[in-house]
C-alpha atoms as a PDB file:
ATOM      1  CA  MET A   1      42.774 -26.460-144.002  1.00  0.00           C
ATOM      2  CA  ASN A   2      43.988 -29.597-142.229  1.00  0.00           C
ATOM      3  CA  ILE A   3      47.333 -29.971-140.503  1.00  0.00           C
ATOM      4  CA  SER A   4      49.506 -32.669-138.987  1.00  0.00           C
ATOM      5  CA  VAL A   5      51.485 -31.836-135.851  1.00  0.00           C
ATOM      6  CA  GLU A   6      54.246 -33.895-134.270  1.00  0.00           C
ATOM      7  CA  LEU A   7      54.914 -33.175-130.597  1.00  0.00           C
ATOM      8  CA  THR A   8      57.639 -34.256-128.210  1.00  0.00           C
ATOM      9  CA  LEU A   9      57.186 -33.000-124.642  1.00  0.00           C
ATOM     10  CA  THR A  10      60.328 -33.114-122.496  1.00  0.00           C
ATOM     11  CA  PRO A  11      59.966 -32.072-118.851  1.00  0.00           C
ATOM     12  CA  LEU A  12      63.415 -31.301-117.427  1.00  0.00           C
ATOM     13  CA  GLN A  13      62.914 -32.922-114.053  1.00  0.00           C
ATOM     14  CA  ASP A  14      63.398 -36.278-112.338  1.00  0.00           C
ATOM     15  CA  GLN A  15      59.717 -37.206-112.373  1.00  0.00           C
ATOM     16  CA  PHE A  16      59.214 -36.591-116.085  1.00  0.00           C
ATOM     17  CA  GLU A  17      56.621 -39.260-116.898  1.00  0.00           C
ATOM     18  CA  PRO A  18      53.502 -37.904-115.092  1.00  0.00           C
ATOM     19  CA  PRO A  19      53.390 -34.596-117.044  1.00  0.00           C
ATOM     20  CA  ILE A  20      53.861 -36.470-120.334  1.00  0.00           C
ATOM     21  CA  VAL A  21      51.090 -38.945-119.507  1.00  0.00           C
ATOM     22  CA  ASP A  22      48.777 -36.102-118.480  1.00  0.00           C
ATOM     23  CA  PHE A  23      49.467 -34.201-121.717  1.00  0.00           C
ATOM     24  CA  ILE A  24      48.850 -37.292-123.863  1.00  0.00           C
ATOM     25  CA  LYS A  25      45.601 -38.086-122.016  1.00  0.00           C
ATOM     26  CA  LYS A  26      44.358 -34.565-122.765  1.00  0.00           C
ATOM     27  CA  LEU A  27      45.275 -35.052-126.427  1.00  0.00           C
ATOM     28  CA  ARG A  28      43.377 -38.363-126.503  1.00  0.00           C
ATOM     29  CA  ASN A  29      40.281 -36.695-125.053  1.00  0.00           C
ATOM     30  CA  SER A  30      40.400 -33.749-127.462  1.00  0.00           C
ATOM     31  CA  GLY A  31      38.331 -35.390-130.198  1.00  0.00           C
ATOM     32  CA  LEU A  32      41.203 -34.898-132.632  1.00  0.00           C
ATOM     33  CA  THR A  33      42.953 -37.773-134.407  1.00  0.00           C
ATOM     34  CA  VAL A  34      45.956 -38.737-132.267  1.00  0.00           C
ATOM     35  CA  LEU A  35      48.674 -41.286-133.047  1.00  0.00           C
ATOM     36  CA  GLU A  36      51.373 -42.185-130.548  1.00  0.00           C
ATOM     37  CA  ASN A  37      54.753 -43.856-130.758  1.00  0.00           C
ATOM     38  CA  PRO A  38      57.611 -44.172-128.256  1.00  0.00           C
ATOM     39  CA  LEU A  39      59.296 -40.953-129.418  1.00  0.00           C
ATOM     40  CA  SER A  40      56.461 -38.543-130.177  1.00  0.00           C
ATOM     41  CA  THR A  41      52.745 -37.967-130.520  1.00  0.00           C
ATOM     42  CA  GLN A  42      51.032 -36.816-133.692  1.00  0.00           C
ATOM     43  CA  VAL A  43      47.805 -34.797-133.831  1.00  0.00           C
ATOM     44  CA  PHE A  44      45.742 -34.333-136.987  1.00  0.00           C
ATOM     45  CA  GLY A  45      42.780 -32.115-137.813  1.00  0.00           C
ATOM     46  CA  PRO A  46      41.569 -28.695-138.897  1.00  0.00           C
ATOM     47  CA  TYR A  47      44.173 -25.965-138.326  1.00  0.00           C
ATOM     48  CA  ASP A  48      42.055 -23.723-136.079  1.00  0.00           C
ATOM     49  CA  GLU A  49      40.823 -26.604-133.932  1.00  0.00           C
ATOM     50  CA  VAL A  50      44.256 -28.196-133.479  1.00  0.00           C
ATOM     51  CA  MET A  51      46.059 -24.934-132.790  1.00  0.00           C
ATOM     52  CA  HIS A  52      43.414 -23.657-130.356  1.00  0.00           C
ATOM     53  CA  PHE A  53      43.599 -26.900-128.405  1.00  0.00           C
ATOM     54  CA  LEU A  54      47.404 -26.953-128.414  1.00  0.00           C
ATOM     55  CA  GLN A  55      47.671 -23.300-127.396  1.00  0.00           C
ATOM     56  CA  THR A  56      45.533 -23.944-124.330  1.00  0.00           C
ATOM     57  CA  GLU A  57      47.157 -27.235-123.301  1.00  0.00           C
ATOM     58  CA  ILE A  58      50.735 -26.143-123.930  1.00  0.00           C
ATOM     59  CA  LYS A  59      50.184 -23.042-121.798  1.00  0.00           C
ATOM     60  CA  THR A  60      48.678 -25.136-118.977  1.00  0.00           C
ATOM     61  CA  THR A  61      51.557 -27.604-119.153  1.00  0.00           C
ATOM     62  CA  PHE A  62      54.159 -24.829-119.127  1.00  0.00           C
ATOM     63  CA  GLU A  63      52.488 -23.137-116.155  1.00  0.00           C
ATOM     64  CA  ASN A  64      52.639 -26.408-114.191  1.00  0.00           C
ATOM     65  CA  LEU A  65      56.321 -27.174-114.835  1.00  0.00           C
ATOM     66  CA  ASP A  66      59.415 -25.183-113.945  1.00  0.00           C
ATOM     67  CA  HIS A  67      61.550 -26.385-116.870  1.00  0.00           C
ATOM     68  CA  VAL A  68      60.177 -28.028-119.996  1.00  0.00           C
ATOM     69  CA  LEU A  69      60.885 -28.340-123.714  1.00  0.00           C
ATOM     70  CA  LEU A  70      58.317 -28.918-126.418  1.00  0.00           C
ATOM     71  CA  TYR A  71      59.415 -29.854-129.915  1.00  0.00           C
ATOM     72  CA  MET A  72      56.739 -29.302-132.536  1.00  0.00           C
ATOM     73  CA  LYS A  73      56.615 -29.878-136.281  1.00  0.00           C
ATOM     74  CA  ILE A  74      53.628 -28.761-138.352  1.00  0.00           C
ATOM     75  CA  VAL A  75      52.783 -29.979-141.837  1.00  0.00           C
ATOM     76  CA  LYS A  76      50.060 -28.406-143.952  1.00  0.00           C
ATOM     77  CA  SER A  77      47.980 -31.516-144.705  1.00  0.00           C
ATOM     78  CA  ASP A  78      46.395 -34.394-142.842  1.00  0.00           C
ATOM     79  CA  ARG A  79      48.996 -37.165-142.980  1.00  0.00           C
ATOM     80  CA  SER A  80      47.168 -39.495-140.569  1.00  0.00           C
ATOM     81  CA  ASP A  81      46.610 -42.104-143.268  1.00  0.00           C
ATOM     82  CA  TYR A  82      50.226 -42.104-144.481  1.00  0.00           C
ATOM     83  CA  GLU A  83      51.599 -45.488-145.488  1.00  0.00           C
ATOM     84  CA  PRO A  84      55.070 -45.905-146.965  1.00  0.00           C
ATOM     85  CA  ASN A  85      55.075 -47.016-150.596  1.00  0.00           C
ATOM     86  CA  PHE A  86      58.595 -48.440-150.629  1.00  0.00           C
END
């Protein structure tokens, strides 16, 4: 089963960019399909692979930051090739 996950990482600190950049670089190196835009990052792939990777990296990120929010949406399907038809 494939999934699509949208992530928005929000460190609650003055120097918020370095943790976001680090998280995105880890996503890029994961071997999963990753799409980025200015507001969020999307990850696509098999459920077990995506969730295992995210579980590990989210925990690491949370351990390294005192205050952080992570917004996550999960869709049951690979929407990486989505193109609007309107």
